[in-house]
Protein backbone atom coordinates (compact mmCIF):
# COMPACT_ATOMS: atom_id res chain seq x y z
CA MET A 1 -54.81 -26.10 8.24
CA LYS A 2 -57.08 -23.10 7.98
CA LYS A 3 -59.54 -22.10 10.65
CA SER A 4 -62.44 -22.28 8.18
CA VAL A 5 -61.62 -25.93 7.45
CA ILE A 6 -61.49 -26.74 11.16
CA ASN A 7 -64.80 -24.95 11.79
CA GLU A 8 -66.54 -27.15 9.20
CA MET A 9 -65.32 -30.43 10.74
CA THR A 10 -67.59 -32.71 12.72
CA GLY A 11 -66.70 -34.17 16.11
CA PRO A 12 -65.31 -37.47 14.79
CA GLU A 13 -63.38 -35.66 12.08
CA LEU A 14 -61.83 -33.39 14.71
CA ARG A 15 -60.77 -36.39 16.80
CA ARG A 16 -59.24 -38.07 13.75
CA SER A 17 -57.44 -34.86 12.86
CA GLU A 18 -56.19 -34.55 16.45
CA ASN A 19 -54.69 -38.04 16.31
CA GLU A 20 -53.03 -37.37 12.96
CA LEU A 21 -51.56 -34.08 14.16
CA ARG A 22 -50.23 -35.67 17.35
CA GLU A 23 -48.50 -38.39 15.32
CA GLU A 24 -47.09 -35.82 12.90
CA LEU A 25 -45.84 -33.70 15.79
CA PHE A 26 -44.11 -36.74 17.29
CA ARG A 27 -42.37 -37.49 13.98
CA LEU A 28 -41.33 -33.86 13.55
CA ARG A 29 -39.92 -33.65 17.07
CA PHE A 30 -37.98 -36.85 16.50
CA GLN A 31 -36.57 -35.47 13.23
CA HIS A 32 -35.70 -32.20 14.94
CA HIS A 33 -33.73 -33.90 17.70
CA THR A 34 -31.85 -36.12 15.25
CA GLY A 35 -31.03 -33.17 12.99
CA GLN A 36 -33.09 -34.44 10.04
CA LEU A 37 -35.82 -31.79 10.06
CA ALA A 38 -35.71 -29.85 6.80
CA SER A 39 -38.11 -27.09 7.77
CA PRO A 40 -38.37 -26.01 11.43
CA THR A 41 -41.45 -23.94 10.65
CA LYS A 42 -43.36 -27.17 10.00
CA LEU A 43 -42.97 -28.00 13.69
CA ARG A 44 -44.52 -24.67 14.71
CA THR A 45 -47.42 -24.84 12.25
CA THR A 46 -48.26 -28.39 13.30
CA ARG A 47 -48.30 -27.35 16.97
CA ARG A 48 -50.59 -24.46 16.16
CA ASP A 49 -52.92 -26.61 14.07
CA LEU A 50 -53.17 -29.08 16.93
CA ALA A 51 -54.03 -26.25 19.31
CA ARG A 52 -56.77 -25.03 16.96
CA VAL A 53 -58.28 -28.50 16.73
CA LEU A 54 -58.14 -29.00 20.50
CA THR A 55 -59.78 -25.60 21.06
CA ARG A 56 -62.61 -26.56 18.70
CA ILE A 57 -63.06 -29.93 20.43
CA ARG A 58 -63.20 -28.24 23.83
CA ALA A 59 -65.82 -25.80 22.57
CA PHE A 60 -67.97 -28.78 21.54
CA GLU A 61 -67.52 -30.35 24.97
CA LEU A 62 -68.56 -27.18 26.76
CA GLY A 63 -71.57 -26.75 24.53
CA ASP A 64 -70.39 -23.40 23.17
CA ILE A 65 -70.91 -24.72 19.66
CA GLN A 66 -74.12 -26.36 18.62
CA PRO A 67 -73.75 -29.25 16.17
CA THR A 68 -75.13 -28.55 12.73
CA ALA A 69 -77.31 -30.96 10.75
CA LYS A 70 -74.17 -32.40 9.18
CA GLU A 71 -72.78 -33.28 12.63
CA SER A 72 -75.89 -34.96 14.02
């Protein structure tokens, strides 16, 4: 997921994306431990995407980012 896409997301969209990424990360970790993971890089990119989303959510919570008209 690109940073520009994450920056355009609203608060609820970010939360939904966080939940989806956490579920995906769980599935990928499970596949990795059972030896069924086809692409180990998918695990790393999912972890990084989750970190980007969480960073954006935290910025909203701290008030570093003002909601746009779309987010209100």
